[in-house]
Amino acid sequence: MDNYYSAVGAGIGTAYYLFILVFYIACVIGMWKMFEKAGKPGWASLIPFYNLYCVYDIGWGTGWLFLLTFVPCVGFIFDIMLSFKMAKAYGQGTGFGFGILFLKPIFYMILGFGDSEYIGPQ
């Protein structure tokens, strides 16, 4: 019986790890193309804190606001606001901002590979 639970736990852990890996790779691919549209180097999506700096620079106009993500409640609110600012920076509307908020890797890839153009922080 213990072997059964160990095997189930290992399977769940492996599936979770693969999900996180696919999620991360999708975010990196989407950010790479988004950064290139915004005139930033695509490789910046690979560097953990620098990519967050670049995302805030694209959405807010200043990258140093990413430091607020480390402040407990303020960071959560700024991350929500960033989703809508990113949508507006690429000429999209509020509905697209909700998409970025809830399905970030998918909508990052839509921004990166789609026909929307970077118009700057709004």
PDB file of N, CA and C in Angstrom:
ATOM      1  N   MET A   1       0.816  -1.195   0.000  1.00  0.00           N
ATOM      2  CA  MET A   1       0.000   0.000   0.000  1.00  0.00           C
ATOM      3  C   MET A   1       0.863   1.263   0.000  1.00  0.00           C
ATOM      4  N   ASP A   2       1.959   1.254   0.742  1.00  0.00           N
ATOM      5  CA  ASP A   2       2.829   2.426   0.768  1.00  0.00           C
ATOM      6  C   ASP A   2       3.483   2.668  -0.589  1.00  0.00           C
ATOM      7  N   ASN A   3       3.812   1.585  -1.300  1.00  0.00           N
ATOM      8  CA  ASN A   3       4.405   1.741  -2.628  1.00  0.00           C
ATOM      9  C   ASN A   3       3.426   2.398  -3.593  1.00  0.00           C
ATOM     10  N   TYR A   4       2.150   2.081  -3.446  1.00  0.00           N
ATOM     11  CA  TYR A   4       1.122   2.673  -4.301  1.00  0.00           C
ATOM     12  C   TYR A   4       1.079   4.184  -4.106  1.00  0.00           C
ATOM     13  N   TYR A   5       1.036   4.625  -2.857  1.00  0.00           N
ATOM     14  CA  TYR A   5       0.972   6.061  -2.580  1.00  0.00           C
ATOM     15  C   TYR A   5       2.263   6.772  -2.985  1.00  0.00           C
ATOM     16  N   SER A   6       3.373   6.082  -2.848  1.00  0.00           N
ATOM     17  CA  SER A   6       4.638   6.665  -3.289  1.00  0.00           C
ATOM     18  C   SER A   6       4.643   6.859  -4.801  1.00  0.00           C
ATOM     19  N   ALA A   7       4.132   5.864  -5.515  1.00  0.00           N
ATOM     20  CA  ALA A   7       4.087   5.957  -6.975  1.00  0.00           C
ATOM     21  C   ALA A   7       3.124   7.050  -7.427  1.00  0.00           C
ATOM     22  N   VAL A   8       1.974   7.151  -6.761  1.00  0.00           N
ATOM     23  CA  VAL A   8       1.009   8.199  -7.106  1.00  0.00           C
ATOM     24  C   VAL A   8       1.604   9.575  -6.824  1.00  0.00           C
ATOM     25  N   GLY A   9       2.250   9.714  -5.685  1.00  0.00           N
ATOM     26  CA  GLY A   9       2.883  10.988  -5.340  1.00  0.00           C
ATOM     27  C   GLY A   9       3.974  11.366  -6.317  1.00  0.00           C
ATOM     28  N   ALA A  10       4.768  10.380  -6.735  1.00  0.00           N
ATOM     29  CA  ALA A  10       5.826  10.644  -7.713  1.00  0.00           C
ATOM     30  C   ALA A  10       5.228  11.047  -9.058  1.00  0.00           C
ATOM     31  N   GLY A  11       4.143  10.407  -9.441  1.00  0.00           N
ATOM     32  CA  GLY A  11       3.485  10.753 -10.706  1.00  0.00           C
ATOM     33  C   GLY A  11       2.907  12.150 -10.686  1.00  0.00           C
ATOM     34  N   ILE A  12       2.268  12.503  -9.585  1.00  0.00           N
ATOM     35  CA  ILE A  12       1.700  13.848  -9.454  1.00  0.00           C
ATOM     36  C   ILE A  12       2.806  14.895  -9.444  1.00  0.00           C
ATOM     37  N   GLY A  13       3.884  14.611  -8.726  1.00  0.00           N
ATOM     38  CA  GLY A  13       5.011  15.539  -8.683  1.00  0.00           C
ATOM     39  C   GLY A  13       5.644  15.741 -10.046  1.00  0.00           C
ATOM     40  N   THR A  14       5.786  14.651 -10.793  1.00  0.00           N
ATOM     41  CA  THR A  14       6.359  14.745 -12.136  1.00  0.00           C
ATOM     42  C   THR A  14       5.449  15.537 -13.071  1.00  0.00           C
ATOM     43  N   ALA A  15       4.150  15.280 -13.003  1.00  0.00           N
ATOM     44  CA  ALA A  15       3.197  16.014 -13.844  1.00  0.00           C
ATOM     45  C   ALA A  15       3.216  17.501 -13.505  1.00  0.00           C
ATOM     46  N   TYR A  16       3.281  17.820 -12.219  1.00  0.00           N
ATOM     47  CA  TYR A  16       3.331  19.222 -11.795  1.00  0.00           C
ATOM     48  C   TYR A  16       4.606  19.892 -12.312  1.00  0.00           C
ATOM     49  N   TYR A  17       5.731  19.200 -12.196  1.00  0.00           N
ATOM     50  CA  TYR A  17       7.004  19.739 -12.669  1.00  0.00           C
ATOM     51  C   TYR A  17       6.953  20.002 -14.170  1.00  0.00           C
ATOM     52  N   LEU A  18       6.399  19.069 -14.929  1.00  0.00           N
ATOM     53  CA  LEU A  18       6.292  19.255 -16.373  1.00  0.00           C
ATOM     54  C   LEU A  18       5.371  20.421 -16.725  1.00  0.00           C
ATOM     55  N   PHE A  19       4.278  20.575 -15.972  1.00  0.00           N
ATOM     56  CA  PHE A  19       3.367  21.701 -16.198  1.00  0.00           C
ATOM     57  C   PHE A  19       4.088  23.025 -15.968  1.00  0.00           C
ATOM     58  N   ILE A  20       4.827  23.133 -14.883  1.00  0.00           N
ATOM     59  CA  ILE A  20       5.564  24.366 -14.570  1.00  0.00           C
ATOM     60  C   ILE A  20       6.620  24.638 -15.638  1.00  0.00           C
ATOM     61  N   LEU A  21       7.284  23.589 -16.110  1.00  0.00           N
ATOM     62  CA  LEU A  21       8.305  23.751 -17.140  1.00  0.00           C
ATOM     63  C   LEU A  21       7.698  24.262 -18.448  1.00  0.00           C
ATOM     64  N   VAL A  22       6.578  23.695 -18.862  1.00  0.00           N
ATOM     65  CA  VAL A  22       5.896  24.143 -20.083  1.00  0.00           C
ATOM     66  C   VAL A  22       5.409  25.581 -19.914  1.00  0.00           C
ATOM     67  N   PHE A  23       4.873  25.915 -18.732  1.00  0.00           N
ATOM     68  CA  PHE A  23       4.409  27.267 -18.429  1.00  0.00           C
ATOM     69  C   PHE A  23       5.565  28.261 -18.563  1.00  0.00           C
ATOM     70  N   TYR A  24       6.718  27.920 -17.993  1.00  0.00           N
ATOM     71  CA  TYR A  24       7.884  28.801 -18.035  1.00  0.00           C
ATOM     72  C   TYR A  24       8.387  28.980 -19.467  1.00  0.00           C
ATOM     73  N   ILE A  25       8.483  27.884 -20.208  1.00  0.00           N
ATOM     74  CA  ILE A  25       8.974  27.963 -21.583  1.00  0.00           C
ATOM     75  C   ILE A  25       8.032  28.806 -22.445  1.00  0.00           C
ATOM     76  N   ALA A  26       6.724  28.644 -22.250  1.00  0.00           N
ATOM     77  CA  ALA A  26       5.756  29.449 -23.007  1.00  0.00           C
ATOM     78  C   ALA A  26       5.906  30.932 -22.670  1.00  0.00           C
ATOM     79  N   CYS A  27       6.111  31.253 -21.396  1.00  0.00           N
ATOM     80  CA  CYS A  27       6.315  32.656 -21.002  1.00  0.00           C
ATOM     81  C   CYS A  27       7.583  33.222 -21.631  1.00  0.00           C
ATOM     82  N   VAL A  28       8.661  32.447 -21.615  1.00  0.00           N
ATOM     83  CA  VAL A  28       9.929  32.923 -22.172  1.00  0.00           C
ATOM     84  C   VAL A  28       9.803  33.166 -23.672  1.00  0.00           C
ATOM     85  N   ILE A  29       9.157  32.248 -24.387  1.00  0.00           N
ATOM     86  CA  ILE A  29       8.991  32.412 -25.834  1.00  0.00           C
ATOM     87  C   ILE A  29       8.145  33.653 -26.140  1.00  0.00           C
ATOM     88  N   GLY A  30       7.045  33.811 -25.411  1.00  0.00           N
ATOM     89  CA  GLY A  30       6.193  34.979 -25.624  1.00  0.00           C
ATOM     90  C   GLY A  30       6.892  36.280 -25.286  1.00  0.00           C
ATOM     91  N   MET A  31       7.614  36.297 -24.156  1.00  0.00           N
ATOM     92  CA  MET A  31       8.328  37.516 -23.770  1.00  0.00           C
ATOM     93  C   MET A  31       9.434  37.841 -24.767  1.00  0.00           C
ATOM     94  N   TRP A  32      10.097  36.814 -25.290  1.00  0.00           N
ATOM     95  CA  TRP A  32      11.178  37.039 -26.255  1.00  0.00           C
ATOM     96  C   TRP A  32      10.662  37.858 -27.437  1.00  0.00           C
ATOM     97  N   LYS A  33       9.539  37.415 -28.004  1.00  0.00           N
ATOM     98  CA  LYS A  33       8.972  38.117 -29.157  1.00  0.00           C
ATOM     99  C   LYS A  33       8.407  39.492 -28.768  1.00  0.00           C
ATOM    100  N   MET A  34       7.805  39.585 -27.575  1.00  0.00           N
ATOM    101  CA  MET A  34       7.298  40.883 -27.108  1.00  0.00           C
ATOM    102  C   MET A  34       8.438  41.878 -26.938  1.00  0.00           C
ATOM    103  N   PHE A  35       9.538  41.413 -26.356  1.00  0.00           N
ATOM    104  CA  PHE A  35      10.681  42.295 -26.136  1.00  0.00           C
ATOM    105  C   PHE A  35      11.250  42.777 -27.467  1.00  0.00           C
ATOM    106  N   GLU A  36      11.323  41.884 -28.448  1.00  0.00           N
ATOM    107  CA  GLU A  36      11.844  42.297 -29.750  1.00  0.00           C
ATOM    108  C   GLU A  36      10.945  43.348 -30.397  1.00  0.00           C
ATOM    109  N   LYS A  37       9.632  43.219 -30.245  1.00  0.00           N
ATOM    110  CA  LYS A  37       8.713  44.229 -30.788  1.00  0.00           C
ATOM    111  C   LYS A  37       8.901  45.575 -30.102  1.00  0.00           C
ATOM    112  N   ALA A  38       9.244  45.541 -28.816  1.00  0.00           N
ATOM    113  CA  ALA A  38       9.401  46.776 -28.051  1.00  0.00           C
ATOM    114  C   ALA A  38      10.810  47.351 -28.152  1.00  0.00           C
ATOM    115  N   GLY A  39      11.676  46.715 -28.934  1.00  0.00           N
ATOM    116  CA  GLY A  39      13.030  47.225 -29.102  1.00  0.00           C
ATOM    117  C   GLY A  39      13.992  46.800 -28.016  1.00  0.00           C
ATOM    118  N   LYS A  40      13.625  45.828 -27.231  1.00  0.00           N
ATOM    119  CA  LYS A  40      14.501  45.295 -26.182  1.00  0.00           C
ATOM    120  C   LYS A  40      15.135  44.007 -26.701  1.00  0.00           C
ATOM    121  N   PRO A  41      16.260  43.598 -26.139  1.00  0.00           N
ATOM    122  CA  PRO A  41      16.862  42.335 -26.596  1.00  0.00           C
ATOM    123  C   PRO A  41      16.007  41.139 -26.174  1.00  0.00           C
ATOM    124  N   GLY A  42      15.814  40.196 -27.078  1.00  0.00           N
ATOM    125  CA  GLY A  42      14.995  39.026 -26.782  1.00  0.00           C
ATOM    126  C   GLY A  42      15.580  38.154 -25.693  1.00  0.00           C
ATOM    127  N   TRP A  43      16.914  38.091 -25.601  1.00  0.00           N
ATOM    128  CA  TRP A  43      17.546  37.252 -24.589  1.00  0.00           C
ATOM    129  C   TRP A  43      17.240  37.719 -23.175  1.00  0.00           C
ATOM    130  N   ALA A  44      16.727  38.924 -23.030  1.00  0.00           N
ATOM    131  CA  ALA A  44      16.390  39.441 -21.697  1.00  0.00           C
ATOM    132  C   ALA A  44      15.294  38.611 -21.042  1.00  0.00           C
ATOM    133  N   SER A  45      14.514  37.890 -21.831  1.00  0.00           N
ATOM    134  CA  SER A  45      13.450  37.056 -21.259  1.00  0.00           C
ATOM    135  C   SER A  45      14.012  35.859 -20.510  1.00  0.00           C
ATOM    136  N   LEU A  46      15.271  35.540 -20.709  1.00  0.00           N
ATOM    137  CA  LEU A  46      15.883  34.385 -20.052  1.00  0.00           C
ATOM    138  C   LEU A  46      16.440  34.702 -18.669  1.00  0.00           C
ATOM    139  N   ILE A  47      16.658  35.963 -18.370  1.00  0.00           N
ATOM    140  CA  ILE A  47      17.296  36.352 -17.110  1.00  0.00           C
ATOM    141  C   ILE A  47      16.215  36.732 -16.108  1.00  0.00           C
ATOM    142  N   PRO A  48      16.143  36.013 -14.964  1.00  0.00           N
ATOM    143  CA  PRO A  48      14.993  36.126 -14.063  1.00  0.00           C
ATOM    144  C   PRO A  48      14.552  37.528 -13.654  1.00  0.00           C
ATOM    145  N   PHE A  49      15.351  38.339 -13.053  1.00  0.00           N
ATOM    146  CA  PHE A  49      14.861  39.628 -12.579  1.00  0.00           C
ATOM    147  C   PHE A  49      14.943  40.708 -13.656  1.00  0.00           C
ATOM    148  N   TYR A  50      15.853  40.542 -14.583  1.00  0.00           N
ATOM    149  CA  TYR A  50      15.956  41.505 -15.678  1.00  0.00           C
ATOM    150  C   TYR A  50      14.734  41.436 -16.583  1.00  0.00           C
ATOM    151  N   ASN A  51      14.165  40.242 -16.769  1.00  0.00           N
ATOM    152  CA  ASN A  51      12.966  40.152 -17.611  1.00  0.00           C
ATOM    153  C   ASN A  51      11.790  40.871 -16.960  1.00  0.00           C
ATOM    154  N   LEU A  52      11.697  40.807 -15.650  1.00  0.00           N
ATOM    155  CA  LEU A  52      10.641  41.534 -14.946  1.00  0.00           C
ATOM    156  C   LEU A  52      10.862  43.043 -15.063  1.00  0.00           C
ATOM    157  N   TYR A  53      12.121  43.462 -14.982  1.00  0.00           N
ATOM    158  CA  TYR A  53      12.455  44.871 -15.182  1.00  0.00           C
ATOM    159  C   TYR A  53      12.010  45.329 -16.577  1.00  0.00           C
ATOM    160  N   CYS A  54      12.288  44.510 -17.595  1.00  0.00           N
ATOM    161  CA  CYS A  54      11.918  44.866 -18.975  1.00  0.00           C
ATOM    162  C   CYS A  54      10.409  44.902 -19.162  1.00  0.00           C
ATOM    163  N   VAL A  55       9.687  43.963 -18.539  1.00  0.00           N
ATOM    164  CA  VAL A  55       8.224  43.956 -18.654  1.00  0.00           C
ATOM    165  C   VAL A  55       7.653  45.231 -18.042  1.00  0.00           C
ATOM    166  N   TYR A  56       8.151  45.621 -16.873  1.00  0.00           N
ATOM    167  CA  TYR A  56       7.674  46.863 -16.252  1.00  0.00           C
ATOM    168  C   TYR A  56       8.089  48.079 -17.076  1.00  0.00           C
ATOM    169  N   ASP A  57       9.251  48.028 -17.699  1.00  0.00           N
ATOM    170  CA  ASP A  57       9.686  49.134 -18.544  1.00  0.00           C
ATOM    171  C   ASP A  57       8.781  49.272 -19.763  1.00  0.00           C
ATOM    172  N   ILE A  58       8.348  48.157 -20.321  1.00  0.00           N
ATOM    173  CA  ILE A  58       7.444  48.184 -21.474  1.00  0.00           C
ATOM    174  C   ILE A  58       6.063  48.688 -21.060  1.00  0.00           C
ATOM    175  N   GLY A  59       5.555  48.204 -19.937  1.00  0.00           N
ATOM    176  CA  GLY A  59       4.194  48.548 -19.519  1.00  0.00           C
ATOM    177  C   GLY A  59       4.060  49.894 -18.836  1.00  0.00           C
ATOM    178  N   TRP A  60       4.971  50.213 -17.939  1.00  0.00           N
ATOM    179  CA  TRP A  60       4.861  51.437 -17.144  1.00  0.00           C
ATOM    180  C   TRP A  60       5.717  52.576 -17.675  1.00  0.00           C
ATOM    181  N   GLY A  61       6.762  52.259 -18.427  1.00  0.00           N
ATOM    182  CA  GLY A  61       7.664  53.296 -18.903  1.00  0.00           C
ATOM    183  C   GLY A  61       8.900  53.424 -18.044  1.00  0.00           C
ATOM    184  N   THR A  62       8.889  52.851 -16.875  1.00  0.00           N
ATOM    185  CA  THR A  62      10.055  52.803 -16.004  1.00  0.00           C
ATOM    186  C   THR A  62      10.164  51.407 -15.412  1.00  0.00           C
ATOM    187  N   GLY A  63      11.318  50.833 -15.550  1.00  0.00           N
ATOM    188  CA  GLY A  63      11.490  49.461 -15.091  1.00  0.00           C
ATOM    189  C   GLY A  63      11.664  49.312 -13.600  1.00  0.00           C
ATOM    190  N   TRP A  64      12.033  50.396 -12.932  1.00  0.00           N
ATOM    191  CA  TRP A  64      12.337  50.280 -11.510  1.00  0.00           C
ATOM    192  C   TRP A  64      11.106  50.030 -10.652  1.00  0.00           C
ATOM    193  N   LEU A  65       9.928  50.170 -11.215  1.00  0.00           N
ATOM    194  CA  LEU A  65       8.717  49.852 -10.455  1.00  0.00           C
ATOM    195  C   LEU A  65       8.604  48.363 -10.151  1.00  0.00           C
ATOM    196  N   PHE A  66       9.403  47.534 -10.842  1.00  0.00           N
ATOM    197  CA  PHE A  66       9.343  46.106 -10.564  1.00  0.00           C
ATOM    198  C   PHE A  66       9.783  45.798  -9.136  1.00  0.00           C
ATOM    199  N   LEU A  67      10.523  46.697  -8.519  1.00  0.00           N
ATOM    200  CA  LEU A  67      10.930  46.485  -7.126  1.00  0.00           C
ATOM    201  C   LEU A  67       9.724  46.465  -6.188  1.00  0.00           C
ATOM    202  N   LEU A  68       8.621  47.090  -6.602  1.00  0.00           N
ATOM    203  CA  LEU A  68       7.414  47.084  -5.777  1.00  0.00           C
ATOM    204  C   LEU A  68       6.761  45.710  -5.721  1.00  0.00           C
ATOM    205  N   THR A  69       7.127  44.807  -6.626  1.00  0.00           N
ATOM    206  CA  THR A  69       6.559  43.457  -6.572  1.00  0.00           C
ATOM    207  C   THR A  69       7.034  42.704  -5.342  1.00  0.00           C
ATOM    208  N   PHE A  70       8.089  43.171  -4.718  1.00  0.00           N
ATOM    209  CA  PHE A  70       8.600  42.517  -3.520  1.00  0.00           C
ATOM    210  C   PHE A  70       7.942  43.026  -2.245  1.00  0.00           C
ATOM    211  N   VAL A  71       7.140  44.083  -2.343  1.00  0.00           N
ATOM    212  CA  VAL A  71       6.383  44.593  -1.197  1.00  0.00           C
ATOM    213  C   VAL A  71       5.057  43.838  -1.163  1.00  0.00           C
ATOM    214  N   PRO A  72       4.717  43.186  -0.036  1.00  0.00           N
ATOM    215  CA  PRO A  72       3.589  42.253  -0.026  1.00  0.00           C
ATOM    216  C   PRO A  72       2.312  42.703  -0.721  1.00  0.00           C
ATOM    217  N   CYS A  73       1.490  43.524  -0.276  1.00  0.00           N
ATOM    218  CA  CYS A  73       0.200  43.802  -0.930  1.00  0.00           C
ATOM    219  C   CYS A  73       0.350  44.707  -2.144  1.00  0.00           C
ATOM    220  N   VAL A  74       1.315  45.581  -2.112  1.00  0.00           N
ATOM    221  CA  VAL A  74       1.527  46.529  -3.202  1.00  0.00           C
ATOM    222  C   VAL A  74       1.930  45.794  -4.482  1.00  0.00           C
ATOM    223  N   GLY A  75       2.783  44.796  -4.352  1.00  0.00           N
ATOM    224  CA  GLY A  75       3.234  44.037  -5.513  1.00  0.00           C
ATOM    225  C   GLY A  75       2.100  43.342  -6.235  1.00  0.00           C
ATOM    226  N   PHE A  76       1.158  42.797  -5.483  1.00  0.00           N
ATOM    227  CA  PHE A  76       0.005  42.111  -6.067  1.00  0.00           C
ATOM    228  C   PHE A  76      -0.840  43.084  -6.888  1.00  0.00           C
ATOM    229  N   ILE A  77      -1.072  44.258  -6.343  1.00  0.00           N
ATOM    230  CA  ILE A  77      -1.881  45.268  -7.032  1.00  0.00           C
ATOM    231  C   ILE A  77      -1.157  45.781  -8.277  1.00  0.00           C
ATOM    232  N   PHE A  78       0.148  46.025  -8.161  1.00  0.00           N
ATOM    233  CA  PHE A  78       0.905  46.515  -9.309  1.00  0.00           C
ATOM    234  C   PHE A  78       0.985  45.471 -10.416  1.00  0.00           C
ATOM    235  N   ASP A  79       1.020  44.194 -10.052  1.00  0.00           N
ATOM    236  CA  ASP A  79       1.043  43.139 -11.063  1.00  0.00           C
ATOM    237  C   ASP A  79      -0.276  43.084 -11.824  1.00  0.00           C
ATOM    238  N   ILE A  80      -1.376  43.293 -11.123  1.00  0.00           N
ATOM    239  CA  ILE A  80      -2.683  43.344 -11.789  1.00  0.00           C
ATOM    240  C   ILE A  80      -2.742  44.545 -12.734  1.00  0.00           C
ATOM    241  N   MET A  81      -2.298  45.696 -12.255  1.00  0.00           N
ATOM    242  CA  MET A  81      -2.309  46.898 -13.091  1.00  0.00           C
ATOM    243  C   MET A  81      -1.378  46.751 -14.296  1.00  0.00           C
ATOM    244  N   LEU A  82      -0.271  46.028 -14.109  1.00  0.00           N
ATOM    245  CA  LEU A  82       0.678  45.818 -15.201  1.00  0.00           C
ATOM    246  C   LEU A  82       0.038  45.054 -16.355  1.00  0.00           C
ATOM    247  N   SER A  83      -0.841  44.110 -16.054  1.00  0.00           N
ATOM    248  CA  SER A  83      -1.506  43.338 -17.110  1.00  0.00           C
ATOM    249  C   SER A  83      -2.273  44.260 -18.050  1.00  0.00           C
ATOM    250  N   PHE A  84      -2.984  45.217 -17.491  1.00  0.00           N
ATOM    251  CA  PHE A  84      -3.762  46.145 -18.315  1.00  0.00           C
ATOM    252  C   PHE A  84      -2.864  47.151 -19.032  1.00  0.00           C
ATOM    253  N   LYS A  85      -1.785  47.572 -18.383  1.00  0.00           N
ATOM    254  CA  LYS A  85      -0.852  48.499 -19.022  1.00  0.00           C
ATOM    255  C   LYS A  85      -0.115  47.827 -20.178  1.00  0.00           C
ATOM    256  N   MET A  86       0.200  46.536 -20.023  1.00  0.00           N
ATOM    257  CA  MET A  86       0.848  45.802 -21.117  1.00  0.00           C
ATOM    258  C   MET A  86      -0.087  45.711 -22.316  1.00  0.00           C
ATOM    259  N   ALA A  87      -1.359  45.440 -22.054  1.00  0.00           N
ATOM    260  CA  ALA A  87      -2.332  45.357 -23.150  1.00  0.00           C
ATOM    261  C   ALA A  87      -2.417  46.694 -23.881  1.00  0.00           C
ATOM    262  N   LYS A  88      -2.471  47.787 -23.142  1.00  0.00           N
ATOM    263  CA  LYS A  88      -2.566  49.112 -23.762  1.00  0.00           C
ATOM    264  C   LYS A  88      -1.270  49.483 -24.492  1.00  0.00           C
ATOM    265  N   ALA A  89      -0.126  49.037 -23.973  1.00  0.00           N
ATOM    266  CA  ALA A  89       1.151  49.341 -24.623  1.00  0.00           C
ATOM    267  C   ALA A  89       1.258  48.687 -25.990  1.00  0.00           C
ATOM    268  N   TYR A  90       0.502  47.633 -26.203  1.00  0.00           N
ATOM    269  CA  TYR A  90       0.498  46.961 -27.503  1.00  0.00           C
ATOM    270  C   TYR A  90      -0.787  47.236 -28.277  1.00  0.00           C
ATOM    271  N   GLY A  91      -1.536  48.245 -27.873  1.00  0.00           N
ATOM    272  CA  GLY A  91      -2.723  48.663 -28.608  1.00  0.00           C
ATOM    273  C   GLY A  91      -3.937  47.780 -28.404  1.00  0.00           C
ATOM    274  N   GLN A  92      -3.985  47.040 -27.326  1.00  0.00           N
ATOM    275  CA  GLN A  92      -5.113  46.153 -27.036  1.00  0.00           C
ATOM    276  C   GLN A  92      -6.002  46.793 -25.976  1.00  0.00           C
ATOM    277  N   GLY A  93      -7.173  46.200 -25.759  1.00  0.00           N
ATOM    278  CA  GLY A  93      -8.137  46.756 -24.824  1.00  0.00           C
ATOM    279  C   GLY A  93      -8.131  46.080 -23.465  1.00  0.00           C
ATOM    280  N   THR A  94      -9.155  46.408 -22.680  1.00  0.00           N
ATOM    281  CA  THR A  94      -9.277  45.896 -21.319  1.00  0.00           C
ATOM    282  C   THR A  94      -9.491  44.387 -21.294  1.00  0.00           C
ATOM    283  N   GLY A  95     -10.259  43.863 -22.233  1.00  0.00           N
ATOM    284  CA  GLY A  95     -10.481  42.418 -22.288  1.00  0.00           C
ATOM    285  C   GLY A  95      -9.184  41.657 -22.474  1.00  0.00           C
ATOM    286  N   PHE A  96      -8.305  42.193 -23.281  1.00  0.00           N
ATOM    287  CA  PHE A  96      -6.999  41.574 -23.479  1.00  0.00           C
ATOM    288  C   PHE A  96      -6.177  41.658 -22.195  1.00  0.00           C
ATOM    289  N   GLY A  97      -6.351  42.737 -21.435  1.00  0.00           N
ATOM    290  CA  GLY A  97      -5.674  42.859 -20.144  1.00  0.00           C
ATOM    291  C   GLY A  97      -6.102  41.770 -19.182  1.00  0.00           C
ATOM    292  N   PHE A  98      -7.411  41.446 -19.179  1.00  0.00           N
ATOM    293  CA  PHE A  98      -7.875  40.332 -18.354  1.00  0.00           C
ATOM    294  C   PHE A  98      -7.265  39.018 -18.829  1.00  0.00           C
ATOM    295  N   GLY A  99      -7.106  38.876 -20.134  1.00  0.00           N
ATOM    296  CA  GLY A  99      -6.466  37.677 -20.663  1.00  0.00           C
ATOM    297  C   GLY A  99      -5.035  37.549 -20.184  1.00  0.00           C
ATOM    298  N   ILE A 100      -4.291  38.650 -20.199  1.00  0.00           N
ATOM    299  CA  ILE A 100      -2.919  38.629 -19.697  1.00  0.00           C
ATOM    300  C   ILE A 100      -2.908  38.293 -18.214  1.00  0.00           C
ATOM    301  N   LEU A 101      -3.855  38.826 -17.485  1.00  0.00           N
ATOM    302  CA  LEU A 101      -3.914  38.595 -16.045  1.00  0.00           C
ATOM    303  C   LEU A 101      -4.117  37.121 -15.712  1.00  0.00           C
ATOM    304  N   PHE A 102      -5.015  36.450 -16.436  1.00  0.00           N
ATOM    305  CA  PHE A 102      -5.373  35.079 -16.076  1.00  0.00           C
ATOM    306  C   PHE A 102      -4.650  34.010 -16.892  1.00  0.00           C
ATOM    307  N   LEU A 103      -4.258  34.305 -18.114  1.00  0.00           N
ATOM    308  CA  LEU A 103      -3.595  33.327 -18.985  1.00  0.00           C
ATOM    309  C   LEU A 103      -2.330  33.945 -19.580  1.00  0.00           C
ATOM    310  N   LYS A 104      -1.425  34.338 -18.715  1.00  0.00           N
ATOM    311  CA  LYS A 104      -0.244  35.112 -19.099  1.00  0.00           C
ATOM    312  C   LYS A 104       0.561  34.500 -20.245  1.00  0.00           C
ATOM    313  N   PRO A 105       0.968  33.221 -20.193  1.00  0.00           N
ATOM    314  CA  PRO A 105       1.821  32.728 -21.283  1.00  0.00           C
ATOM    315  C   PRO A 105       1.119  32.719 -22.641  1.00  0.00           C
ATOM    316  N   ILE A 106      -0.150  32.408 -22.656  1.00  0.00           N
ATOM    317  CA  ILE A 106      -0.889  32.366 -23.922  1.00  0.00           C
ATOM    318  C   ILE A 106      -0.998  33.766 -24.519  1.00  0.00           C
ATOM    319  N   PHE A 107      -1.351  34.732 -23.691  1.00  0.00           N
ATOM    320  CA  PHE A 107      -1.534  36.088 -24.204  1.00  0.00           C
ATOM    321  C   PHE A 107      -0.199  36.779 -24.480  1.00  0.00           C
ATOM    322  N   TYR A 108       0.864  36.393 -23.778  1.00  0.00           N
ATOM    323  CA  TYR A 108       2.188  36.904 -24.140  1.00  0.00           C
ATOM    324  C   TYR A 108       2.572  36.410 -25.528  1.00  0.00           C
ATOM    325  N   MET A 109       2.251  35.155 -25.839  1.00  0.00           N
ATOM    326  CA  MET A 109       2.563  34.636 -27.173  1.00  0.00           C
ATOM    327  C   MET A 109       1.692  35.299 -28.239  1.00  0.00           C
ATOM    328  N   ILE A 110       0.444  35.600 -27.891  1.00  0.00           N
ATOM    329  CA  ILE A 110      -0.418  36.311 -28.843  1.00  0.00           C
ATOM    330  C   ILE A 110       0.151  37.702 -29.130  1.00  0.00           C
ATOM    331  N   LEU A 111       0.618  38.386 -28.081  1.00  0.00           N
ATOM    332  CA  LEU A 111       1.232  39.704 -28.290  1.00  0.00           C
ATOM    333  C   LEU A 111       2.513  39.590 -29.104  1.00  0.00           C
ATOM    334  N   GLY A 112       3.316  38.573 -28.793  1.00  0.00           N
ATOM    335  CA  GLY A 112       4.600  38.426 -29.468  1.00  0.00           C
ATOM    336  C   GLY A 112       4.487  38.011 -30.920  1.00  0.00           C
ATOM    337  N   PHE A 113       3.633  37.042 -31.193  1.00  0.00           N
ATOM    338  CA  PHE A 113       3.535  36.499 -32.547  1.00  0.00           C
ATOM    339  C   PHE A 113       2.400  37.114 -33.361  1.00  0.00           C
ATOM    340  N   GLY A 114       1.513  37.850 -32.711  1.00  0.00           N
ATOM    341  CA  GLY A 114       0.382  38.457 -33.414  1.00  0.00           C
ATOM    342  C   GLY A 114       0.778  39.703 -34.177  1.00  0.00           C
ATOM    343  N   ASP A 115      -0.216  40.372 -34.717  1.00  0.00           N
ATOM    344  CA  ASP A 115       0.054  41.557 -35.529  1.00  0.00           C
ATOM    345  C   ASP A 115      -0.017  42.860 -34.741  1.00  0.00           C
ATOM    346  N   SER A 116      -0.189  42.777 -33.430  1.00  0.00           N
ATOM    347  CA  SER A 116      -0.239  44.006 -32.630  1.00  0.00           C
ATOM    348  C   SER A 116       1.152  44.631 -32.566  1.00  0.00           C
ATOM    349  N   GLU A 117       1.183  45.948 -32.601  1.00  0.00           N
ATOM    350  CA  GLU A 117       2.442  46.679 -32.582  1.00  0.00           C
ATOM    351  C   GLU A 117       2.615  47.385 -31.250  1.00  0.00           C
ATOM    352  N   TYR A 118       3.862  47.500 -30.844  1.00  0.00           N
ATOM    353  CA  TYR A 118       4.179  48.204 -29.604  1.00  0.00           C
ATOM    354  C   TYR A 118       4.056  49.703 -29.842  1.00  0.00           C
ATOM    355  N   ILE A 119       3.187  50.354 -29.060  1.00  0.00           N
ATOM    356  CA  ILE A 119       3.001  51.797 -29.219  1.00  0.00           C
ATOM    357  C   ILE A 119       3.540  52.571 -28.028  1.00  0.00           C
ATOM    358  N   GLY A 120       4.018  51.880 -27.017  1.00  0.00           N
ATOM    359  CA  GLY A 120       4.608  52.525 -25.856  1.00  0.00           C
ATOM    360  C   GLY A 120       3.665  52.547 -24.675  1.00  0.00           C
ATOM    361  N   PRO A 121       4.199  52.915 -23.509  1.00  0.00           N
ATOM    362  CA  PRO A 121       3.371  52.959 -22.298  1.00  0.00           C
ATOM    363  C   PRO A 121       2.248  53.977 -22.435  1.00  0.00           C
ATOM    364  N   GLN A 122       1.084  53.641 -21.938  1.00  0.00           N
ATOM    365  CA  GLN A 122      -0.081  54.520 -22.030  1.00  0.00           C
ATOM    366  C   GLN A 122      -0.449  55.047 -20.656  1.00  0.00           C
TER     367      GLN A 122
END
